[in-house]
Amino acid sequence: MRWSEFAEKELIDVGGGERIGNVGQADLLIDPQTGEIRSLLLPVGSSWFGKKQGTREINWGHIKKIGPEMVIVETGSGLYHR
């Protein structure tokens, strides 16, 4: 799957059925040794000037399903603020 296709998808928490964000807003944390994606870093909140107030980290292993329009995530302990 190309990044352009993946970036259009919504992130949905399977536990609460809530929208977490959009993949296109996320930064990727990549393992420099293997090149594998470790996690997605999503911005949380914004100030009047568009600066991020923090990030949420979603471990790649907590992604349960990638569908045509959304990505299903089981957050549990895999989602936390930085």
PDB file of N, CA and C in Angstrom:
ATOM      1  N   MET A   1       0.838  -1.167   0.000  1.00  0.00           N
ATOM      2  CA  MET A   1       0.000   0.000   0.000  1.00  0.00           C
ATOM      3  C   MET A   1       0.893   1.244   0.000  1.00  0.00           C
ATOM      4  N   ARG A   2       0.549   2.198  -0.804  1.00  0.00           N
ATOM      5  CA  ARG A   2       1.292   3.453  -0.870  1.00  0.00           C
ATOM      6  C   ARG A   2       0.897   4.369   0.290  1.00  0.00           C
ATOM      7  N   TRP A   3       1.841   5.237   0.695  1.00  0.00           N
ATOM      8  CA  TRP A   3       1.569   6.168   1.792  1.00  0.00           C
ATOM      9  C   TRP A   3       0.375   7.055   1.449  1.00  0.00           C
ATOM     10  N   SER A   4       0.237   7.477   0.211  1.00  0.00           N
ATOM     11  CA  SER A   4      -0.871   8.356  -0.179  1.00  0.00           C
ATOM     12  C   SER A   4      -2.227   7.696   0.074  1.00  0.00           C
ATOM     13  N   GLU A   5      -2.315   6.388  -0.107  1.00  0.00           N
ATOM     14  CA  GLU A   5      -3.548   5.654   0.171  1.00  0.00           C
ATOM     15  C   GLU A   5      -3.770   5.517   1.678  1.00  0.00           C
ATOM     16  N   PHE A   6      -2.707   5.184   2.395  1.00  0.00           N
ATOM     17  CA  PHE A   6      -2.776   4.977   3.843  1.00  0.00           C
ATOM     18  C   PHE A   6      -3.099   6.286   4.568  1.00  0.00           C
ATOM     19  N   ALA A   7      -2.542   7.392   4.103  1.00  0.00           N
ATOM     20  CA  ALA A   7      -2.700   8.690   4.765  1.00  0.00           C
ATOM     21  C   ALA A   7      -4.134   9.195   4.757  1.00  0.00           C
ATOM     22  N   GLU A   8      -4.956   8.725   3.847  1.00  0.00           N
ATOM     23  CA  GLU A   8      -6.347   9.178   3.753  1.00  0.00           C
ATOM     24  C   GLU A   8      -7.269   8.507   4.774  1.00  0.00           C
ATOM     25  N   LYS A   9      -6.808   7.503   5.464  1.00  0.00           N
ATOM     26  CA  LYS A   9      -7.665   6.703   6.340  1.00  0.00           C
ATOM     27  C   LYS A   9      -7.832   7.329   7.731  1.00  0.00           C
ATOM     28  N   GLU A  10      -9.002   7.070   8.315  1.00  0.00           N
ATOM     29  CA  GLU A  10      -9.311   7.501   9.680  1.00  0.00           C
ATOM     30  C   GLU A  10      -8.826   6.439  10.651  1.00  0.00           C
ATOM     31  N   LEU A  11      -8.324   6.869  11.821  1.00  0.00           N
ATOM     32  CA  LEU A  11      -7.938   5.947  12.882  1.00  0.00           C
ATOM     33  C   LEU A  11      -9.107   5.839  13.860  1.00  0.00           C
ATOM     34  N   ILE A  12      -9.577   4.621  14.104  1.00  0.00           N
ATOM     35  CA  ILE A  12     -10.720   4.373  14.979  1.00  0.00           C
ATOM     36  C   ILE A  12     -10.301   3.450  16.112  1.00  0.00           C
ATOM     37  N   ASP A  13     -10.633   3.844  17.345  1.00  0.00           N
ATOM     38  CA  ASP A  13     -10.366   3.021  18.532  1.00  0.00           C
ATOM     39  C   ASP A  13     -11.479   1.987  18.648  1.00  0.00           C
ATOM     40  N   VAL A  14     -11.117   0.715  18.575  1.00  0.00           N
ATOM     41  CA  VAL A  14     -12.100  -0.367  18.615  1.00  0.00           C
ATOM     42  C   VAL A  14     -12.790  -0.453  19.984  1.00  0.00           C
ATOM     43  N   GLY A  15     -12.086  -0.092  21.049  1.00  0.00           N
ATOM     44  CA  GLY A  15     -12.665  -0.168  22.388  1.00  0.00           C
ATOM     45  C   GLY A  15     -13.788   0.823  22.601  1.00  0.00           C
ATOM     46  N   GLY A  16     -13.567   2.065  22.249  1.00  0.00           N
ATOM     47  CA  GLY A  16     -14.559   3.108  22.472  1.00  0.00           C
ATOM     48  C   GLY A  16     -15.331   3.494  21.226  1.00  0.00           C
ATOM     49  N   GLY A  17     -14.923   2.982  20.080  1.00  0.00           N
ATOM     50  CA  GLY A  17     -15.576   3.332  18.826  1.00  0.00           C
ATOM     51  C   GLY A  17     -15.388   4.794  18.457  1.00  0.00           C
ATOM     52  N   GLU A  18     -14.339   5.421  18.980  1.00  0.00           N
ATOM     53  CA  GLU A  18     -14.100   6.835  18.747  1.00  0.00           C
ATOM     54  C   GLU A  18     -13.066   7.053  17.651  1.00  0.00           C
ATOM     55  N   ARG A  19     -13.208   8.182  16.993  1.00  0.00           N
ATOM     56  CA  ARG A  19     -12.218   8.603  16.002  1.00  0.00           C
ATOM     57  C   ARG A  19     -11.008   9.144  16.758  1.00  0.00           C
ATOM     58  N   ILE A  20      -9.833   8.611  16.455  1.00  0.00           N
ATOM     59  CA  ILE A  20      -8.596   9.065  17.085  1.00  0.00           C
ATOM     60  C   ILE A  20      -7.976  10.189  16.272  1.00  0.00           C
ATOM     61  N   GLY A  21      -8.073  10.086  14.970  1.00  0.00           N
ATOM     62  CA  GLY A  21      -7.475  11.088  14.096  1.00  0.00           C
ATOM     63  C   GLY A  21      -7.353  10.557  12.684  1.00  0.00           C
ATOM     64  N   ASN A  22      -6.574  11.239  11.901  1.00  0.00           N
ATOM     65  CA  ASN A  22      -6.358  10.874  10.515  1.00  0.00           C
ATOM     66  C   ASN A  22      -4.897  10.462  10.356  1.00  0.00           C
ATOM     67  N   VAL A  23      -4.655   9.380   9.653  1.00  0.00           N
ATOM     68  CA  VAL A  23      -3.289   8.887   9.468  1.00  0.00           C
ATOM     69  C   VAL A  23      -2.400   9.952   8.829  1.00  0.00           C
ATOM     70  N   GLY A  24      -2.950  10.757   7.941  1.00  0.00           N
ATOM     71  CA  GLY A  24      -2.177  11.788   7.267  1.00  0.00           C
ATOM     72  C   GLY A  24      -1.627  12.860   8.193  1.00  0.00           C
ATOM     73  N   GLN A  25      -2.201  12.991   9.390  1.00  0.00           N
ATOM     74  CA  GLN A  25      -1.723  13.971  10.369  1.00  0.00           C
ATOM     75  C   GLN A  25      -0.560  13.422  11.195  1.00  0.00           C
ATOM     76  N   ALA A  26      -0.309  12.138  11.099  1.00  0.00           N
ATOM     77  CA  ALA A  26       0.669  11.470  11.961  1.00  0.00           C
ATOM     78  C   ALA A  26       2.092  11.575  11.419  1.00  0.00           C
ATOM     79  N   ASP A  27       3.021  11.575  12.353  1.00  0.00           N
ATOM     80  CA  ASP A  27       4.426  11.372  12.027  1.00  0.00           C
ATOM     81  C   ASP A  27       4.713   9.894  12.269  1.00  0.00           C
ATOM     82  N   LEU A  28       5.716   9.370  11.598  1.00  0.00           N
ATOM     83  CA  LEU A  28       6.073   7.967  11.780  1.00  0.00           C
ATOM     84  C   LEU A  28       7.344   7.859  12.612  1.00  0.00           C
ATOM     85  N   LEU A  29       7.352   6.900  13.523  1.00  0.00           N
ATOM     86  CA  LEU A  29       8.554   6.563  14.270  1.00  0.00           C
ATOM     87  C   LEU A  29       9.076   5.277  13.643  1.00  0.00           C
ATOM     88  N   ILE A  30      10.238   5.357  12.998  1.00  0.00           N
ATOM     89  CA  ILE A  30      10.774   4.236  12.220  1.00  0.00           C
ATOM     90  C   ILE A  30      12.033   3.694  12.874  1.00  0.00           C
ATOM     91  N   ASP A  31      12.132   2.366  12.927  1.00  0.00           N
ATOM     92  CA  ASP A  31      13.321   1.709  13.466  1.00  0.00           C
ATOM     93  C   ASP A  31      14.465   1.918  12.471  1.00  0.00           C
ATOM     94  N   PRO A  32      15.545   2.585  12.888  1.00  0.00           N
ATOM     95  CA  PRO A  32      16.633   2.862  11.944  1.00  0.00           C
ATOM     96  C   PRO A  32      17.387   1.614  11.485  1.00  0.00           C
ATOM     97  N   GLN A  33      17.343   0.556  12.266  1.00  0.00           N
ATOM     98  CA  GLN A  33      18.047  -0.677  11.903  1.00  0.00           C
ATOM     99  C   GLN A  33      17.296  -1.482  10.842  1.00  0.00           C
ATOM    100  N   THR A  34      15.957  -1.591  11.013  1.00  0.00           N
ATOM    101  CA  THR A  34      15.173  -2.454  10.128  1.00  0.00           C
ATOM    102  C   THR A  34      14.358  -1.698   9.087  1.00  0.00           C
ATOM    103  N   GLY A  35      14.108  -0.408   9.343  1.00  0.00           N
ATOM    104  CA  GLY A  35      13.260   0.369   8.442  1.00  0.00           C
ATOM    105  C   GLY A  35      11.782   0.144   8.681  1.00  0.00           C
ATOM    106  N   GLU A  36      11.436  -0.640   9.709  1.00  0.00           N
ATOM    107  CA  GLU A  36      10.033  -0.912  10.018  1.00  0.00           C
ATOM    108  C   GLU A  36       9.419   0.241  10.803  1.00  0.00           C
ATOM    109  N   ILE A  37       8.113   0.434  10.620  1.00  0.00           N
ATOM    110  CA  ILE A  37       7.397   1.459  11.375  1.00  0.00           C
ATOM    111  C   ILE A  37       7.182   0.937  12.787  1.00  0.00           C
ATOM    112  N   ARG A  38       7.610   1.709  13.792  1.00  0.00           N
ATOM    113  CA  ARG A  38       7.399   1.341  15.200  1.00  0.00           C
ATOM    114  C   ARG A  38       6.054   1.850  15.693  1.00  0.00           C
ATOM    115  N   SER A  39       5.747   3.119  15.360  1.00  0.00           N
ATOM    116  CA  SER A  39       4.500   3.706  15.843  1.00  0.00           C
ATOM    117  C   SER A  39       4.122   4.931  15.034  1.00  0.00           C
ATOM    118  N   LEU A  40       2.870   5.354  15.238  1.00  0.00           N
ATOM    119  CA  LEU A  40       2.351   6.583  14.649  1.00  0.00           C
ATOM    120  C   LEU A  40       2.303   7.623  15.756  1.00  0.00           C
ATOM    121  N   LEU A  41       2.727   8.839  15.473  1.00  0.00           N
ATOM    122  CA  LEU A  41       2.686   9.924  16.440  1.00  0.00           C
ATOM    123  C   LEU A  41       1.670  10.947  15.947  1.00  0.00           C
ATOM    124  N   LEU A  42       0.543  11.052  16.672  1.00  0.00           N
ATOM    125  CA  LEU A  42      -0.535  11.951  16.283  1.00  0.00           C
ATOM    126  C   LEU A  42      -0.499  13.226  17.104  1.00  0.00           C
ATOM    127  N   PRO A  43      -0.695  14.381  16.473  1.00  0.00           N
ATOM    128  CA  PRO A  43      -0.737  15.631  17.234  1.00  0.00           C
ATOM    129  C   PRO A  43      -1.999  15.686  18.089  1.00  0.00           C
ATOM    130  N   VAL A  44      -1.852  16.274  19.280  1.00  0.00           N
ATOM    131  CA  VAL A  44      -2.980  16.438  20.190  1.00  0.00           C
ATOM    132  C   VAL A  44      -3.173  17.929  20.421  1.00  0.00           C
ATOM    133  N   GLY A  45      -4.371  18.421  20.130  1.00  0.00           N
ATOM    134  CA  GLY A  45      -4.668  19.828  20.353  1.00  0.00           C
ATOM    135  C   GLY A  45      -3.797  20.741  19.513  1.00  0.00           C
ATOM    136  N   SER A  46      -4.148  22.006  19.517  1.00  0.00           N
ATOM    137  CA  SER A  46      -3.325  23.001  18.844  1.00  0.00           C
ATOM    138  C   SER A  46      -3.591  24.357  19.466  1.00  0.00           C
ATOM    139  N   SER A  47      -2.623  25.191  19.420  1.00  0.00           N
ATOM    140  CA  SER A  47      -2.773  26.541  19.943  1.00  0.00           C
ATOM    141  C   SER A  47      -3.349  27.438  18.848  1.00  0.00           C
ATOM    142  N   TRP A  48      -3.507  28.686  19.134  1.00  0.00           N
ATOM    143  CA  TRP A  48      -4.012  29.636  18.150  1.00  0.00           C
ATOM    144  C   TRP A  48      -3.079  29.763  16.958  1.00  0.00           C
ATOM    145  N   PHE A  49      -1.811  29.483  17.177  1.00  0.00           N
ATOM    146  CA  PHE A  49      -0.827  29.654  16.111  1.00  0.00           C
ATOM    147  C   PHE A  49      -0.505  28.348  15.404  1.00  0.00           C
ATOM    148  N   GLY A  50      -1.292  27.290  15.645  1.00  0.00           N
ATOM    149  CA  GLY A  50      -1.130  26.027  14.953  1.00  0.00           C
ATOM    150  C   GLY A  50      -0.050  25.120  15.493  1.00  0.00           C
ATOM    151  N   LYS A  51       0.522  25.454  16.660  1.00  0.00           N
ATOM    152  CA  LYS A  51       1.560  24.601  17.230  1.00  0.00           C
ATOM    153  C   LYS A  51       0.925  23.427  17.959  1.00  0.00           C
ATOM    154  N   LYS A  52       1.555  22.272  17.850  1.00  0.00           N
ATOM    155  CA  LYS A  52       1.082  21.087  18.562  1.00  0.00           C
ATOM    156  C   LYS A  52       1.308  21.261  20.058  1.00  0.00           C
ATOM    157  N   GLN A  53       0.352  20.782  20.855  1.00  0.00           N
ATOM    158  CA  GLN A  53       0.497  20.839  22.305  1.00  0.00           C
ATOM    159  C   GLN A  53       0.993  19.515  22.862  1.00  0.00           C
ATOM    160  N   GLY A  54       1.122  18.523  22.044  1.00  0.00           N
ATOM    161  CA  GLY A  54       1.605  17.218  22.464  1.00  0.00           C
ATOM    162  C   GLY A  54       1.326  16.197  21.370  1.00  0.00           C
ATOM    163  N   THR A  55       1.681  14.957  21.629  1.00  0.00           N
ATOM    164  CA  THR A  55       1.416  13.893  20.664  1.00  0.00           C
ATOM    165  C   THR A  55       0.903  12.656  21.384  1.00  0.00           C
ATOM    166  N   ARG A  56       0.177  11.849  20.652  1.00  0.00           N
ATOM    167  CA  ARG A  56      -0.232  10.519  21.103  1.00  0.00           C
ATOM    168  C   ARG A  56       0.568   9.523  20.287  1.00  0.00           C
ATOM    169  N   GLU A  57       1.070   8.507  20.941  1.00  0.00           N
ATOM    170  CA  GLU A  57       1.826   7.478  20.233  1.00  0.00           C
ATOM    171  C   GLU A  57       0.994   6.214  20.163  1.00  0.00           C
ATOM    172  N   ILE A  58       0.823   5.708  18.952  1.00  0.00           N
ATOM    173  CA  ILE A  58       0.098   4.454  18.724  1.00  0.00           C
ATOM    174  C   ILE A  58       1.098   3.432  18.218  1.00  0.00           C
ATOM    175  N   ASN A  59       1.347   2.422  19.019  1.00  0.00           N
ATOM    176  CA  ASN A  59       2.272   1.354  18.662  1.00  0.00           C
ATOM    177  C   ASN A  59       1.740   0.631  17.426  1.00  0.00           C
ATOM    178  N   TRP A  60       2.615   0.368  16.482  1.00  0.00           N
ATOM    179  CA  TRP A  60       2.203  -0.295  15.230  1.00  0.00           C
ATOM    180  C   TRP A  60       1.540  -1.642  15.505  1.00  0.00           C
ATOM    181  N   GLY A  61       1.970  -2.339  16.537  1.00  0.00           N
ATOM    182  CA  GLY A  61       1.393  -3.633  16.878  1.00  0.00           C
ATOM    183  C   GLY A  61      -0.044  -3.553  17.361  1.00  0.00           C
ATOM    184  N   HIS A  62      -0.525  -2.363  17.689  1.00  0.00           N
ATOM    185  CA  HIS A  62      -1.894  -2.193  18.174  1.00  0.00           C
ATOM    186  C   HIS A  62      -2.874  -1.918  17.040  1.00  0.00           C
ATOM    187  N   ILE A  63      -2.367  -1.838  15.816  1.00  0.00           N
ATOM    188  CA  ILE A  63      -3.246  -1.719  14.657  1.00  0.00           C
ATOM    189  C   ILE A  63      -3.771  -3.115  14.355  1.00  0.00           C
ATOM    190  N   LYS A  64      -5.095  -3.262  14.404  1.00  0.00           N
ATOM    191  CA  LYS A  64      -5.709  -4.574  14.236  1.00  0.00           C
ATOM    192  C   LYS A  64      -6.174  -4.843  12.807  1.00  0.00           C
ATOM    193  N   LYS A  65      -6.609  -3.795  12.105  1.00  0.00           N
ATOM    194  CA  LYS A  65      -7.138  -4.012  10.755  1.00  0.00           C
ATOM    195  C   LYS A  65      -7.016  -2.724   9.950  1.00  0.00           C
ATOM    196  N   ILE A  66      -6.575  -2.837   8.718  1.00  0.00           N
ATOM    197  CA  ILE A  66      -6.540  -1.705   7.803  1.00  0.00           C
ATOM    198  C   ILE A  66      -7.577  -1.978   6.728  1.00  0.00           C
ATOM    199  N   GLY A  67      -8.639  -1.180   6.748  1.00  0.00           N
ATOM    200  CA  GLY A  67      -9.723  -1.350   5.795  1.00  0.00           C
ATOM    201  C   GLY A  67      -9.656  -0.327   4.681  1.00  0.00           C
ATOM    202  N   PRO A  68     -10.660  -0.321   3.805  1.00  0.00           N
ATOM    203  CA  PRO A  68     -10.640   0.602   2.675  1.00  0.00           C
ATOM    204  C   PRO A  68     -10.775   2.075   3.078  1.00  0.00           C
ATOM    205  N   GLU A  69     -11.417   2.362   4.237  1.00  0.00           N
ATOM    206  CA  GLU A  69     -11.621   3.748   4.655  1.00  0.00           C
ATOM    207  C   GLU A  69     -11.066   4.065   6.033  1.00  0.00           C
ATOM    208  N   MET A  70     -10.777   3.043   6.830  1.00  0.00           N
ATOM    209  CA  MET A  70     -10.335   3.302   8.196  1.00  0.00           C
ATOM    210  C   MET A  70      -9.324   2.278   8.677  1.00  0.00           C
ATOM    211  N   VAL A  71      -8.645   2.654   9.764  1.00  0.00           N
ATOM    212  CA  VAL A  71      -7.684   1.785  10.426  1.00  0.00           C
ATOM    213  C   VAL A  71      -8.226   1.533  11.833  1.00  0.00           C
ATOM    214  N   ILE A  72      -8.421   0.268  12.174  1.00  0.00           N
ATOM    215  CA  ILE A  72      -8.952  -0.100  13.481  1.00  0.00           C
ATOM    216  C   ILE A  72      -7.774  -0.326  14.424  1.00  0.00           C
ATOM    217  N   VAL A  73      -7.809   0.375  15.566  1.00  0.00           N
ATOM    218  CA  VAL A  73      -6.731   0.336  16.544  1.00  0.00           C
ATOM    219  C   VAL A  73      -7.283  -0.100  17.891  1.00  0.00           C
ATOM    220  N   GLU A  74      -6.580  -1.009  18.556  1.00  0.00           N
ATOM    221  CA  GLU A  74      -6.918  -1.382  19.928  1.00  0.00           C
ATOM    222  C   GLU A  74      -5.934  -0.637  20.823  1.00  0.00           C
ATOM    223  N   THR A  75      -6.383   0.502  21.362  1.00  0.00           N
ATOM    224  CA  THR A  75      -5.460   1.371  22.080  1.00  0.00           C
ATOM    225  C   THR A  75      -4.968   0.772  23.375  1.00  0.00           C
ATOM    226  N   GLY A  76      -5.844   0.348  24.247  1.00  0.00           N
ATOM    227  CA  GLY A  76      -5.418  -0.222  25.522  1.00  0.00           C
ATOM    228  C   GLY A  76      -4.268   0.564  26.114  1.00  0.00           C
ATOM    229  N   SER A  77      -3.131  -0.081  26.327  1.00  0.00           N
ATOM    230  CA  SER A  77      -1.951   0.601  26.866  1.00  0.00           C
ATOM    231  C   SER A  77      -1.053   1.132  25.756  1.00  0.00           C
ATOM    232  N   GLY A  78      -1.464   0.970  24.485  1.00  0.00           N
ATOM    233  CA  GLY A  78      -0.607   1.376  23.377  1.00  0.00           C
ATOM    234  C   GLY A  78      -0.744   2.822  22.974  1.00  0.00           C
ATOM    235  N   LEU A  79      -1.642   3.565  23.623  1.00  0.00           N
ATOM    236  CA  LEU A  79      -1.864   4.956  23.259  1.00  0.00           C
ATOM    237  C   LEU A  79      -1.534   5.816  24.454  1.00  0.00           C
ATOM    238  N   TYR A  80      -0.566   6.688  24.310  1.00  0.00           N
ATOM    239  CA  TYR A  80      -0.236   7.569  25.417  1.00  0.00           C
ATOM    240  C   TYR A  80       0.256   8.908  24.902  1.00  0.00           C
ATOM    241  N   HIS A  81       0.212   9.873  25.781  1.00  0.00           N
ATOM    242  CA  HIS A  81       0.624  11.234  25.430  1.00  0.00           C
ATOM    243  C   HIS A  81       2.107  11.405  25.671  1.00  0.00           C
ATOM    244  N   ARG A  82       2.737  12.188  24.840  1.00  0.00           N
ATOM    245  CA  ARG A  82       4.160  12.527  24.998  1.00  0.00           C
ATOM    246  C   ARG A  82       4.274  13.959  25.450  1.00  0.00           C
TER     247      ARG A  82
END
